[in-house]
Structures are given as structure tokens and as C-alpha cells.
Amino acid sequence: MEDAAQADLIIEAVPEKLQLKQQILHELESLTTGSFIFATNTSSLSITEIAKASRDPGCVAGMHFLNPVHIMRLVEIVVGNETAEKTVAAVREVGRRMRKETIVVRICPGLLPAAWV
């Protein structure tokens, strides 16, 4: 965790449990005085709720990779109520560098309709 806390962007992919995601975010923040972007890979939890555990909710976004990740090119960038534009831009750039197509979506549990994929 100490090594991860030094990163500029952290992509978290633990099980879909709100308290677990919040705990990890809080623990990472407690290990640094700096800031980082926390991108959570969730399709069912509120980014706004996850961000409540952060001292800087503007740095929290969703980065939902569709399965199978190594084949599917689409990544949903999910914005919470306080997600900053600079956070969205940084997460989109990371997706681009991964050779993924990114779309920005608002808080909405679930996946895009299959027709969009």
C-alpha cells in the first residue's frame, strides 16, 4: 500500500463492496500527504459514495473496464458529483495510452446497453 500511495493514479479493482473501496481509499490517503487520482473499477457502486471517504473527492472517478478486458476496447469513465474535470481528463488519457476507447458517463449503476458496445 505504501508503494501504491506514491502513484499519480491508482486503479482499484477489489470486490463490489462500498466499505471496502472506501477503506482502501482512506488507507492510501493516510500514507501520503500528496494527492493522487483514485479510479475505481465498479459497475454498480456510486462514485459519489466512494468519494465520501476521500479528503479530495474531486480526485475520485470510475474507470469501468468491460470484460473480457484484454479484448474489449471500451472503458466507461464514471463521474461522481464532485469529480473534477482535470481528473476526467487524466483518466481518459490513461485509457487512451492503454489503447482503449473511453466514454464519460454519469452515476448510473449497471453497464451500457449491449448495443453500445
N, C-alpha and C. Protein backbone atom coordinates (compact mmCIF):
# COMPACT_ATOMS: atom_id res chain seq x y z
N MET A 1 0.83 -1.21 0.00
CA MET A 1 0.00 0.00 0.00
C MET A 1 0.86 1.26 0.00
N GLU A 2 1.99 1.21 0.71
CA GLU A 2 2.86 2.39 0.75
C GLU A 2 3.40 2.72 -0.63
N ASP A 3 3.78 1.72 -1.40
CA ASP A 3 4.26 1.95 -2.76
C ASP A 3 3.14 2.51 -3.63
N ALA A 4 1.96 1.93 -3.53
CA ALA A 4 0.81 2.38 -4.33
C ALA A 4 0.46 3.83 -4.02
N ALA A 5 0.57 4.24 -2.78
CA ALA A 5 0.22 5.60 -2.37
C ALA A 5 1.11 6.66 -3.00
N GLN A 6 2.24 6.25 -3.57
CA GLN A 6 3.14 7.20 -4.22
C GLN A 6 2.80 7.42 -5.69
N ALA A 7 1.85 6.66 -6.22
CA ALA A 7 1.47 6.76 -7.63
C ALA A 7 0.64 8.01 -7.89
N ASP A 8 0.64 8.44 -9.14
CA ASP A 8 -0.20 9.58 -9.55
C ASP A 8 -1.64 9.15 -9.78
N LEU A 9 -1.82 7.89 -10.22
CA LEU A 9 -3.15 7.36 -10.48
C LEU A 9 -3.18 5.91 -10.03
N ILE A 10 -4.19 5.56 -9.26
CA ILE A 10 -4.36 4.20 -8.75
C ILE A 10 -5.67 3.66 -9.30
N ILE A 11 -5.62 2.49 -9.93
CA ILE A 11 -6.83 1.83 -10.41
C ILE A 11 -7.11 0.68 -9.46
N GLU A 12 -8.21 0.78 -8.77
CA GLU A 12 -8.61 -0.21 -7.76
C GLU A 12 -9.63 -1.17 -8.37
N ALA A 13 -9.49 -2.46 -8.08
CA ALA A 13 -10.41 -3.46 -8.63
C ALA A 13 -10.73 -4.54 -7.60
N VAL A 14 -11.06 -4.12 -6.39
CA VAL A 14 -11.45 -5.08 -5.34
C VAL A 14 -12.94 -5.41 -5.50
N PRO A 15 -13.45 -6.40 -4.76
CA PRO A 15 -14.87 -6.75 -4.86
C PRO A 15 -15.81 -5.55 -4.64
N GLU A 16 -17.01 -5.67 -5.19
CA GLU A 16 -18.01 -4.61 -5.17
C GLU A 16 -18.63 -4.42 -3.78
N LYS A 17 -17.83 -3.91 -2.87
CA LYS A 17 -18.29 -3.62 -1.51
C LYS A 17 -17.89 -2.19 -1.19
N LEU A 18 -18.89 -1.35 -0.99
CA LEU A 18 -18.65 0.08 -0.76
C LEU A 18 -17.65 0.32 0.36
N GLN A 19 -17.85 -0.30 1.51
CA GLN A 19 -16.97 -0.05 2.65
C GLN A 19 -15.53 -0.48 2.36
N LEU A 20 -15.34 -1.54 1.60
CA LEU A 20 -14.00 -1.99 1.25
C LEU A 20 -13.31 -0.98 0.35
N LYS A 21 -14.02 -0.49 -0.65
CA LYS A 21 -13.43 0.51 -1.56
C LYS A 21 -13.11 1.80 -0.80
N GLN A 22 -14.01 2.23 0.09
CA GLN A 22 -13.75 3.42 0.90
C GLN A 22 -12.57 3.20 1.83
N GLN A 23 -12.47 2.03 2.41
CA GLN A 23 -11.37 1.72 3.33
C GLN A 23 -10.03 1.78 2.60
N ILE A 24 -9.97 1.23 1.42
CA ILE A 24 -8.72 1.25 0.65
C ILE A 24 -8.35 2.68 0.29
N LEU A 25 -9.31 3.46 -0.17
CA LEU A 25 -9.06 4.86 -0.49
C LEU A 25 -8.54 5.61 0.73
N HIS A 26 -9.22 5.45 1.84
CA HIS A 26 -8.81 6.13 3.08
C HIS A 26 -7.41 5.71 3.51
N GLU A 27 -7.13 4.42 3.44
CA GLU A 27 -5.81 3.94 3.83
C GLU A 27 -4.71 4.49 2.92
N LEU A 28 -4.95 4.50 1.63
CA LEU A 28 -3.97 5.06 0.70
C LEU A 28 -3.71 6.54 1.00
N GLU A 29 -4.77 7.28 1.24
CA GLU A 29 -4.60 8.71 1.55
C GLU A 29 -3.85 8.92 2.86
N SER A 30 -4.03 8.03 3.81
CA SER A 30 -3.34 8.18 5.10
C SER A 30 -1.83 7.95 4.97
N LEU A 31 -1.41 7.34 3.88
CA LEU A 31 0.00 7.03 3.68
C LEU A 31 0.77 8.11 2.92
N THR A 32 0.08 9.18 2.53
CA THR A 32 0.75 10.24 1.78
C THR A 32 0.16 11.59 2.12
N THR A 33 0.97 12.62 1.97
CA THR A 33 0.46 13.98 2.13
C THR A 33 0.14 14.56 0.76
N GLY A 34 0.57 13.87 -0.29
CA GLY A 34 0.31 14.32 -1.65
C GLY A 34 -1.09 13.92 -2.11
N SER A 35 -1.31 14.11 -3.39
CA SER A 35 -2.60 13.73 -3.94
C SER A 35 -2.39 12.74 -5.08
N PHE A 36 -3.42 12.00 -5.37
CA PHE A 36 -3.41 11.05 -6.48
C PHE A 36 -4.84 10.90 -6.96
N ILE A 37 -4.98 10.37 -8.16
CA ILE A 37 -6.30 10.06 -8.68
C ILE A 37 -6.62 8.62 -8.30
N PHE A 38 -7.81 8.44 -7.76
CA PHE A 38 -8.29 7.12 -7.38
C PHE A 38 -9.37 6.72 -8.36
N ALA A 39 -9.06 5.77 -9.25
CA ALA A 39 -10.01 5.29 -10.24
C ALA A 39 -10.51 3.92 -9.79
N THR A 40 -11.79 3.83 -9.53
CA THR A 40 -12.37 2.58 -9.07
C THR A 40 -13.03 1.85 -10.22
N ASN A 41 -12.79 0.57 -10.32
CA ASN A 41 -13.38 -0.25 -11.38
C ASN A 41 -14.68 -0.84 -10.84
N THR A 42 -15.74 -0.06 -10.93
CA THR A 42 -17.04 -0.51 -10.42
C THR A 42 -18.11 -0.32 -11.48
N SER A 43 -19.09 -1.21 -11.47
CA SER A 43 -20.23 -1.06 -12.38
C SER A 43 -21.53 -0.90 -11.60
N SER A 44 -21.45 -0.97 -10.27
CA SER A 44 -22.69 -0.94 -9.50
C SER A 44 -22.69 0.01 -8.31
N LEU A 45 -21.54 0.55 -7.95
CA LEU A 45 -21.48 1.42 -6.78
C LEU A 45 -21.36 2.88 -7.19
N SER A 46 -21.87 3.76 -6.36
CA SER A 46 -21.84 5.20 -6.60
C SER A 46 -20.43 5.76 -6.39
N ILE A 47 -19.93 6.45 -7.39
CA ILE A 47 -18.64 7.12 -7.27
C ILE A 47 -18.72 8.19 -6.19
N THR A 48 -19.83 8.88 -6.12
CA THR A 48 -20.03 9.91 -5.10
C THR A 48 -19.92 9.32 -3.70
N GLU A 49 -20.51 8.14 -3.48
CA GLU A 49 -20.43 7.49 -2.17
C GLU A 49 -19.02 7.02 -1.86
N ILE A 50 -18.33 6.47 -2.85
CA ILE A 50 -16.94 6.04 -2.63
C ILE A 50 -16.09 7.26 -2.28
N ALA A 51 -16.30 8.36 -2.99
CA ALA A 51 -15.51 9.58 -2.79
C ALA A 51 -15.72 10.22 -1.43
N LYS A 52 -16.79 9.88 -0.74
CA LYS A 52 -17.03 10.44 0.60
C LYS A 52 -15.92 10.06 1.58
N ALA A 53 -15.18 8.99 1.27
CA ALA A 53 -14.08 8.57 2.14
C ALA A 53 -12.80 9.35 1.86
N SER A 54 -12.83 10.21 0.85
CA SER A 54 -11.62 10.91 0.42
C SER A 54 -11.54 12.32 0.98
N ARG A 55 -10.30 12.77 1.21
CA ARG A 55 -10.12 14.18 1.61
C ARG A 55 -10.23 15.09 0.39
N ASP A 56 -10.17 14.49 -0.83
CA ASP A 56 -10.30 15.25 -2.08
C ASP A 56 -11.20 14.49 -3.05
N PRO A 57 -12.52 14.58 -2.88
CA PRO A 57 -13.45 13.83 -3.73
C PRO A 57 -13.35 14.17 -5.21
N GLY A 58 -12.76 15.30 -5.54
CA GLY A 58 -12.57 15.67 -6.93
C GLY A 58 -11.60 14.78 -7.66
N CYS A 59 -10.79 14.04 -6.91
CA CYS A 59 -9.79 13.13 -7.49
C CYS A 59 -10.27 11.69 -7.58
N VAL A 60 -11.57 11.47 -7.41
CA VAL A 60 -12.12 10.12 -7.46
C VAL A 60 -13.02 9.99 -8.69
N ALA A 61 -12.80 8.94 -9.46
CA ALA A 61 -13.61 8.67 -10.65
C ALA A 61 -13.75 7.17 -10.81
N GLY A 62 -14.66 6.78 -11.66
CA GLY A 62 -14.78 5.37 -12.01
C GLY A 62 -14.02 5.12 -13.30
N MET A 63 -13.45 3.96 -13.40
CA MET A 63 -12.79 3.52 -14.63
C MET A 63 -13.22 2.07 -14.82
N HIS A 64 -14.39 1.92 -15.45
CA HIS A 64 -15.00 0.61 -15.58
C HIS A 64 -14.58 -0.07 -16.88
N PHE A 65 -13.78 -1.11 -16.73
CA PHE A 65 -13.30 -1.89 -17.87
C PHE A 65 -14.32 -2.97 -18.17
N LEU A 66 -14.71 -3.10 -19.43
CA LEU A 66 -15.66 -4.13 -19.83
C LEU A 66 -14.91 -5.44 -20.06
N ASN A 67 -15.58 -6.54 -19.77
CA ASN A 67 -14.97 -7.87 -19.90
C ASN A 67 -15.27 -8.50 -21.26
N PRO A 68 -14.35 -9.28 -21.75
CA PRO A 68 -13.00 -9.52 -21.24
C PRO A 68 -12.09 -8.33 -21.54
N VAL A 69 -11.40 -7.87 -20.52
CA VAL A 69 -10.62 -6.63 -20.59
C VAL A 69 -9.60 -6.64 -21.72
N HIS A 70 -8.96 -7.76 -21.95
CA HIS A 70 -7.91 -7.81 -22.98
C HIS A 70 -8.47 -7.76 -24.40
N ILE A 71 -9.79 -7.93 -24.55
CA ILE A 71 -10.41 -7.88 -25.88
C ILE A 71 -11.26 -6.62 -26.04
N MET A 72 -12.06 -6.32 -25.06
CA MET A 72 -12.98 -5.17 -25.15
C MET A 72 -12.21 -3.86 -25.08
N ARG A 73 -12.48 -2.97 -26.01
CA ARG A 73 -11.75 -1.71 -26.06
C ARG A 73 -12.41 -0.61 -25.25
N LEU A 74 -13.67 -0.79 -24.89
CA LEU A 74 -14.41 0.29 -24.23
C LEU A 74 -14.13 0.35 -22.74
N VAL A 75 -13.92 1.57 -22.25
CA VAL A 75 -13.80 1.84 -20.81
C VAL A 75 -14.75 2.98 -20.49
N GLU A 76 -15.62 2.76 -19.51
CA GLU A 76 -16.52 3.81 -19.06
C GLU A 76 -15.81 4.64 -17.99
N ILE A 77 -15.71 5.93 -18.22
CA ILE A 77 -15.19 6.84 -17.21
C ILE A 77 -16.42 7.39 -16.49
N VAL A 78 -16.54 7.03 -15.22
CA VAL A 78 -17.75 7.37 -14.46
C VAL A 78 -17.44 8.53 -13.53
N VAL A 79 -18.27 9.57 -13.63
CA VAL A 79 -18.05 10.78 -12.83
C VAL A 79 -19.01 10.84 -11.67
N GLY A 80 -18.48 11.20 -10.52
CA GLY A 80 -19.31 11.43 -9.34
C GLY A 80 -19.72 12.89 -9.28
N ASN A 81 -20.48 13.25 -8.28
CA ASN A 81 -20.96 14.63 -8.14
C ASN A 81 -19.82 15.63 -8.00
N GLU A 82 -18.68 15.21 -7.44
CA GLU A 82 -17.58 16.15 -7.22
C GLU A 82 -16.34 15.86 -8.06
N THR A 83 -16.41 14.91 -8.96
CA THR A 83 -15.25 14.58 -9.79
C THR A 83 -14.83 15.79 -10.62
N ALA A 84 -13.57 16.16 -10.52
CA ALA A 84 -13.04 17.33 -11.23
C ALA A 84 -12.78 17.02 -12.71
N GLU A 85 -12.91 18.03 -13.53
CA GLU A 85 -12.64 17.89 -14.97
C GLU A 85 -11.21 17.43 -15.22
N LYS A 86 -10.26 17.93 -14.42
CA LYS A 86 -8.86 17.51 -14.62
C LYS A 86 -8.69 16.03 -14.31
N THR A 87 -9.48 15.50 -13.38
CA THR A 87 -9.45 14.08 -13.08
C THR A 87 -9.98 13.28 -14.27
N VAL A 88 -11.09 13.72 -14.83
CA VAL A 88 -11.67 13.05 -16.00
C VAL A 88 -10.67 13.06 -17.16
N ALA A 89 -10.05 14.21 -17.40
CA ALA A 89 -9.08 14.32 -18.49
C ALA A 89 -7.89 13.37 -18.28
N ALA A 90 -7.39 13.28 -17.06
CA ALA A 90 -6.25 12.41 -16.77
C ALA A 90 -6.63 10.94 -16.95
N VAL A 91 -7.80 10.55 -16.48
CA VAL A 91 -8.23 9.16 -16.58
C VAL A 91 -8.47 8.79 -18.05
N ARG A 92 -9.04 9.72 -18.81
CA ARG A 92 -9.24 9.46 -20.25
C ARG A 92 -7.90 9.29 -20.95
N GLU A 93 -6.92 10.09 -20.58
CA GLU A 93 -5.59 9.99 -21.19
C GLU A 93 -4.95 8.64 -20.86
N VAL A 94 -5.11 8.18 -19.64
CA VAL A 94 -4.58 6.86 -19.28
C VAL A 94 -5.27 5.78 -20.12
N GLY A 95 -6.57 5.88 -20.28
CA GLY A 95 -7.30 4.94 -21.13
C GLY A 95 -6.79 4.96 -22.55
N ARG A 96 -6.56 6.15 -23.08
CA ARG A 96 -6.04 6.29 -24.44
C ARG A 96 -4.68 5.61 -24.57
N ARG A 97 -3.81 5.81 -23.57
CA ARG A 97 -2.49 5.19 -23.60
C ARG A 97 -2.58 3.66 -23.51
N MET A 98 -3.67 3.16 -22.94
CA MET A 98 -3.90 1.72 -22.89
C MET A 98 -4.52 1.21 -24.19
N ARG A 99 -4.72 2.12 -25.14
CA ARG A 99 -5.36 1.82 -26.43
C ARG A 99 -6.82 1.40 -26.25
N LYS A 100 -7.48 2.08 -25.33
CA LYS A 100 -8.89 1.85 -25.08
C LYS A 100 -9.69 3.04 -25.60
N GLU A 101 -10.94 2.78 -25.94
CA GLU A 101 -11.90 3.83 -26.27
C GLU A 101 -12.59 4.21 -24.96
N THR A 102 -12.67 5.49 -24.67
CA THR A 102 -13.30 5.91 -23.42
C THR A 102 -14.56 6.73 -23.71
N ILE A 103 -15.54 6.55 -22.86
CA ILE A 103 -16.72 7.39 -22.87
C ILE A 103 -16.95 7.85 -21.44
N VAL A 104 -17.46 9.05 -21.29
CA VAL A 104 -17.75 9.60 -19.96
C VAL A 104 -19.23 9.43 -19.67
N VAL A 105 -19.52 8.84 -18.50
CA VAL A 105 -20.91 8.62 -18.11
C VAL A 105 -21.12 9.17 -16.70
N ARG A 106 -22.34 9.52 -16.40
CA ARG A 106 -22.70 9.98 -15.06
C ARG A 106 -23.01 8.79 -14.18
N ILE A 107 -23.19 9.04 -12.91
CA ILE A 107 -23.50 7.98 -11.95
C ILE A 107 -24.75 7.23 -12.41
N CYS A 108 -24.57 5.94 -12.64
CA CYS A 108 -25.68 5.09 -13.06
C CYS A 108 -25.25 3.65 -12.88
N PRO A 109 -25.75 2.96 -11.86
CA PRO A 109 -25.35 1.57 -11.65
C PRO A 109 -25.68 0.72 -12.87
N GLY A 110 -24.80 -0.20 -13.18
CA GLY A 110 -25.02 -1.12 -14.29
C GLY A 110 -24.10 -0.83 -15.46
N LEU A 111 -24.31 -1.55 -16.51
CA LEU A 111 -23.47 -1.44 -17.69
C LEU A 111 -24.22 -0.73 -18.80
N LEU A 112 -23.46 -0.32 -19.82
CA LEU A 112 -24.10 0.24 -21.01
C LEU A 112 -24.92 -0.84 -21.70
N PRO A 113 -25.95 -0.44 -22.40
CA PRO A 113 -26.68 -1.45 -23.17
C PRO A 113 -25.75 -2.13 -24.18
N ALA A 114 -25.97 -3.43 -24.42
CA ALA A 114 -25.11 -4.19 -25.31
C ALA A 114 -24.99 -3.56 -26.68
N ALA A 115 -26.02 -2.88 -27.14
CA ALA A 115 -25.99 -2.27 -28.46
C ALA A 115 -24.93 -1.18 -28.56
N TRP A 116 -24.49 -0.62 -27.45
CA TRP A 116 -23.47 0.44 -27.46
C TRP A 116 -22.07 -0.12 -27.53
N VAL A 117 -21.90 -1.38 -27.20
CA VAL A 117 -20.56 -1.96 -27.08
C VAL A 117 -20.05 -2.43 -28.43
